Protein backbone atom coordinates (compact mmCIF):
# COMPACT_ATOMS: atom_id res chain seq x y z
CA UNK A 1 -0.22 -0.05 -0.06
CA UNK A 2 1.48 3.41 -1.11
CA UNK A 3 2.23 6.19 1.92
CA UNK A 4 -0.44 8.44 2.23
CA UNK A 5 -3.03 5.70 0.79
CA UNK A 6 -6.43 5.94 2.47
CA UNK A 7 -6.69 2.40 3.91
CA UNK A 8 -8.81 0.11 3.11
CA UNK A 9 -12.40 -0.19 4.75
CA UNK A 10 -13.98 -4.04 6.00
CA UNK A 11 -18.05 -4.64 6.67
CA UNK A 12 -19.14 -7.26 8.18
CA UNK A 13 -22.58 -8.57 8.02
CA UNK A 14 -24.42 -11.43 9.48
CA UNK A 15 -27.44 -12.84 11.74
CA UNK A 16 -27.39 -11.90 15.75
CA UNK A 17 -24.94 -15.10 17.18
CA UNK A 18 -23.09 -15.60 13.97
CA UNK A 19 -20.35 -14.19 15.80
CA UNK A 20 -19.33 -10.78 14.17
CA UNK A 21 -18.14 -8.96 16.71
CA UNK A 22 -15.92 -11.46 18.44
CA UNK A 23 -14.21 -12.42 14.70
CA UNK A 24 -14.19 -8.51 14.06
CA UNK A 25 -12.27 -7.86 16.98
CA UNK A 26 -9.53 -9.78 16.06
CA UNK A 27 -9.79 -8.96 12.43
CA UNK A 28 -9.08 -5.44 13.17
CA UNK A 29 -5.63 -5.77 15.86
CA UNK A 30 -4.44 -8.58 13.23
CA UNK A 31 -5.02 -5.33 10.12
CA UNK A 32 -4.25 -2.83 13.35
CA UNK A 33 -7.77 -1.16 12.19
CA UNK A 34 -9.75 0.03 14.23
CA UNK A 35 -13.13 -1.81 15.55
CA UNK A 36 -16.02 -0.70 15.10
CA UNK A 37 -19.50 -2.96 16.67
CA UNK A 38 -22.69 -0.70 15.61
CA UNK A 39 -24.98 -3.48 17.28
CA UNK A 40 -23.70 -1.64 20.07
CA UNK A 41 -24.93 1.44 19.33
CA UNK A 42 -28.73 0.44 18.34
CA UNK A 43 -28.02 -1.95 22.18
CA UNK A 44 -26.96 1.61 24.13
CA UNK A 45 -30.08 3.20 22.67
CA UNK A 46 -31.93 0.69 23.99
CA UNK A 47 -30.38 0.81 26.57
CA UNK A 48 -31.27 4.27 27.70
CA UNK A 49 -35.02 3.48 26.34
CA UNK A 50 -35.45 0.74 28.99
CA UNK A 51 -33.96 3.34 32.29
CA UNK A 52 -36.47 5.57 30.95
CA UNK A 53 -39.49 4.28 30.72
CA UNK A 54 -40.21 4.63 27.11
CA UNK A 55 -42.36 2.86 25.15
CA UNK A 56 -40.45 0.89 22.50
CA UNK A 57 -42.73 0.11 20.06
CA UNK A 58 -43.28 3.97 20.33
CA UNK A 59 -41.32 5.11 16.77
CA UNK A 60 -41.87 9.03 17.50
CA UNK A 61 -40.61 8.49 21.21
CA UNK A 62 -37.56 6.19 20.40
CA UNK A 63 -37.16 8.79 17.04
CA UNK A 64 -36.88 11.94 19.52
CA UNK A 65 -34.76 10.03 21.81
CA UNK A 66 -32.25 9.39 19.77
CA UNK A 67 -32.03 12.62 18.72
CA UNK A 68 -31.15 13.37 22.22
CA UNK A 69 -28.55 10.99 22.52
CA UNK A 70 -24.66 10.73 22.98
CA UNK A 71 -23.51 7.84 21.83
CA UNK A 72 -19.49 7.07 22.01
CA UNK A 73 -17.16 4.04 21.43
CA UNK A 74 -13.71 4.17 22.30
CA UNK A 75 -11.35 1.69 22.08
CA UNK A 76 -9.18 -0.06 24.80
CA UNK A 77 -6.64 -1.66 22.96
CA UNK A 78 -6.53 -5.07 21.40
CA UNK A 79 -9.91 -4.72 19.14
CA UNK A 80 -11.99 -3.84 22.93
CA UNK A 81 -14.69 -1.24 23.39
CA UNK A 82 -15.78 1.26 25.49
CA UNK A 83 -19.92 2.06 25.54
CA UNK A 84 -20.74 5.71 26.14
CA UNK A 85 -23.92 7.20 26.44
CA UNK A 86 -24.15 10.82 28.17
CA UNK A 87 -21.23 10.16 28.68
CA UNK A 88 -21.62 6.84 31.29
CA UNK A 89 -19.67 3.85 30.45
CA UNK A 90 -23.15 1.25 29.46
CA UNK A 91 -20.44 -1.61 28.34
CA UNK A 92 -21.61 -4.57 30.49
CA UNK A 93 -25.51 -3.23 30.57
CA UNK A 94 -25.85 -3.22 27.32
CA UNK A 95 -25.38 -7.70 26.89
CA UNK A 96 -27.77 -7.97 29.28
CA UNK A 97 -31.18 -9.90 28.45
CA UNK A 98 -33.82 -7.60 28.34
CA UNK A 99 -31.33 -5.22 25.83
CA UNK A 100 -31.01 -8.39 23.83
CA UNK A 101 -34.79 -8.63 23.50
CA UNK A 102 -35.98 -5.68 22.91
CA UNK A 103 -32.51 -4.24 20.46
CA UNK A 104 -34.24 -5.10 17.43
CA UNK A 105 -37.92 -3.59 17.78
CA UNK A 106 -35.70 -0.28 18.38
CA UNK A 107 -33.28 -0.62 15.39
CA UNK A 108 -36.26 -1.67 12.57
CA UNK A 109 -37.46 2.34 13.56
CA UNK A 110 -36.00 4.60 9.91
CA UNK A 111 -35.51 7.31 12.10
CA UNK A 112 -33.14 5.61 14.59
CA UNK A 113 -31.56 3.62 11.85
CA UNK A 114 -30.77 7.28 9.28
CA UNK A 115 -29.69 9.23 12.89
CA UNK A 116 -27.31 5.90 13.72
CA UNK A 117 -26.20 4.94 9.81
CA UNK A 118 -25.46 9.00 9.93
CA UNK A 119 -22.80 8.32 13.12
CA UNK A 120 -21.58 4.95 11.46
CA UNK A 121 -20.40 6.36 8.84
CA UNK A 122 -18.44 9.15 9.31
CA UNK A 123 -16.72 6.75 12.10
CA UNK A 124 -16.01 4.67 9.06
CA UNK A 125 -14.99 7.48 6.61
CA UNK A 126 -11.22 7.77 7.05
CA UNK A 127 -10.72 4.43 6.13
CA UNK A 128 -8.90 1.49 8.05
CA UNK A 129 -12.21 0.02 9.94
CA UNK A 130 -13.07 -2.90 10.11
CA UNK A 131 -17.00 -2.37 10.79
CA UNK A 132 -19.90 -4.92 12.06
CA UNK A 133 -23.93 -5.30 12.17
CA UNK A 134 -27.40 -5.78 9.89
CA UNK A 135 -26.82 -3.25 6.86
CA UNK A 136 -22.50 -2.35 6.88
CA UNK A 137 -22.13 -3.64 3.47
CA UNK A 138 -25.58 -2.10 1.95
CA UNK A 139 -25.88 1.34 3.65
CA UNK A 140 -23.26 2.42 6.06
CA UNK A 141 -20.13 1.63 4.26
CA UNK A 142 -21.53 0.21 0.83
CA UNK A 143 -18.31 1.20 -0.56
CA UNK A 144 -15.98 -1.15 2.20
CA UNK A 145 -13.25 -2.88 -0.28
CA UNK A 146 -14.06 -5.48 2.18
CA UNK A 147 -16.94 -7.50 2.66
CA UNK A 148 -18.06 -10.31 4.39
CA UNK A 149 -21.24 -12.37 5.59
CA UNK A 150 -20.78 -14.68 8.77
CA UNK A 151 -24.20 -17.03 9.14
CA UNK A 152 -24.39 -20.63 11.26
CA UNK A 153 -26.76 -21.81 11.62
CA UNK A 154 -29.65 -21.83 14.00
CA UNK A 155 -28.24 -24.63 16.93
CA UNK A 156 -24.51 -22.40 16.96
CA UNK A 157 -26.41 -19.30 17.27
CA UNK A 158 -28.28 -20.80 20.11
CA UNK A 159 -25.32 -22.52 21.71
CA UNK A 160 -22.88 -19.47 21.70
CA UNK A 161 -25.64 -17.13 23.00
CA UNK A 162 -26.42 -19.46 26.03
CA UNK A 163 -22.44 -19.73 26.09
CA UNK A 164 -22.12 -16.18 26.85
CA UNK A 165 -25.60 -15.90 28.99
CA UNK A 166 -23.67 -18.67 31.36
CA UNK A 167 -20.22 -16.45 31.40
CA UNK A 168 -21.45 -13.25 32.26
CA UNK A 169 -23.67 -15.16 34.76
CA UNK A 170 -26.92 -15.08 33.78
CA UNK A 171 -30.11 -17.11 34.05
CA UNK A 172 -31.21 -18.30 30.38
CA UNK A 173 -34.07 -20.60 29.17
CA UNK A 174 -31.90 -22.10 26.11
CA UNK A 175 -35.49 -22.88 24.20
CA UNK A 176 -36.54 -19.27 24.41
CA UNK A 177 -32.83 -18.37 22.82
CA UNK A 178 -33.03 -20.12 19.87
CA UNK A 179 -37.04 -18.40 19.67
CA UNK A 180 -35.45 -15.58 20.53
CA UNK A 181 -32.93 -15.62 17.71
CA UNK A 182 -35.22 -16.79 14.99
CA UNK A 183 -37.67 -13.30 15.96
CA UNK A 184 -34.52 -12.07 15.56
CA UNK A 185 -33.73 -12.49 12.94
CA UNK A 186 -37.19 -12.67 10.87
CA UNK A 187 -37.17 -8.85 11.95
CA UNK A 188 -33.53 -7.67 10.83
CA UNK A 189 -34.60 -9.09 7.74
CA UNK A 190 -38.13 -7.87 7.13
CA UNK A 191 -37.59 -4.26 9.03
CA UNK A 192 -38.22 -1.09 6.01
CA UNK A 193 -35.51 0.48 6.70
CA UNK A 194 -31.86 -1.16 6.19
CA UNK A 195 -32.85 -4.99 6.44
CA UNK A 196 -29.95 -7.81 7.33
CA UNK A 197 -28.81 -8.13 3.83
CA UNK A 198 -25.99 -10.04 1.80
CA UNK A 199 -25.26 -7.94 -0.59
CA UNK A 200 -23.55 -9.83 -3.97
CA UNK A 201 -19.81 -9.13 -4.45
CA UNK A 202 -20.02 -10.13 0.14
CA UNK A 203 -18.22 -13.21 0.03
CA UNK A 204 -19.95 -15.61 2.64
CA UNK A 205 -18.49 -17.27 5.38
CA UNK A 206 -19.84 -19.90 7.61
CA UNK A 207 -18.38 -20.34 11.39
CA UNK A 208 -20.79 -23.52 12.15
CA UNK A 209 -18.19 -25.57 13.65
CA UNK A 210 -15.60 -23.20 13.15
CA UNK A 211 -12.96 -21.35 16.05
CA UNK A 212 -13.30 -17.99 15.99
CA UNK A 213 -8.61 -17.74 14.26
CA UNK A 214 -10.23 -20.42 12.12
CA UNK A 215 -12.50 -17.60 10.77
CA UNK A 216 -10.43 -14.71 11.22
CA UNK A 217 -7.68 -16.68 8.99
CA UNK A 218 -10.02 -17.32 6.18
CA UNK A 219 -10.91 -13.55 5.90
CA UNK A 220 -7.19 -12.41 6.22
CA UNK A 221 -6.07 -14.82 3.45
CA UNK A 222 -9.14 -12.41 0.84
CA UNK A 223 -8.28 -9.40 2.11
CA UNK A 224 -3.82 -10.54 2.04
CA UNK A 225 -5.11 -11.48 -2.32
CA UNK A 226 -6.88 -8.77 -2.52
CA UNK A 227 -3.58 -6.67 -1.38
CA UNK A 228 -1.64 -7.97 -3.66
């Protein structure tokens, strides 16, 4: 890559539980890029709505809340991020089950998505970023040099989500987790604004049965080939 040239960007999309965030963090670390977890931004707004007692079915109220909310992602090394909402560190709070249950409802609101996409585009415009979410390749970074779509079987994604909750000390019902993932898949793919979609140029990567390192190596191989 020539000195002074703009670094490429990497867009990663896929359904809940496909391993996007974990893979994106490690990929960013290996590339020495900045990792941007767009899903954390929607989770942050969902957390604030729950804290404020906002009706999560009221699109107008959510739109007003989004316009009046400051969300910041701060890198803390090794690809990890701190998430701040109106200056408060809510990195752990946004991973709680209640937030996971409602985030797709909040994220489907068109004006909420427009606000978030605007912020995300600003973060990614300089290049040298790895960004993951649902509409990165199609809406947020349509000109990204590298696009991937990560997927995994529903059973594998359920297993991962249960393990994540167990590691965080939360109780869970595996059947309910599976149902919630199915519901999120439907909401994410059927919403009007920025639906989850695999753009034609995105490389499909099935992470079922693969370690994080194996997935990252597959992606790095593709990126290295593209830079030759």
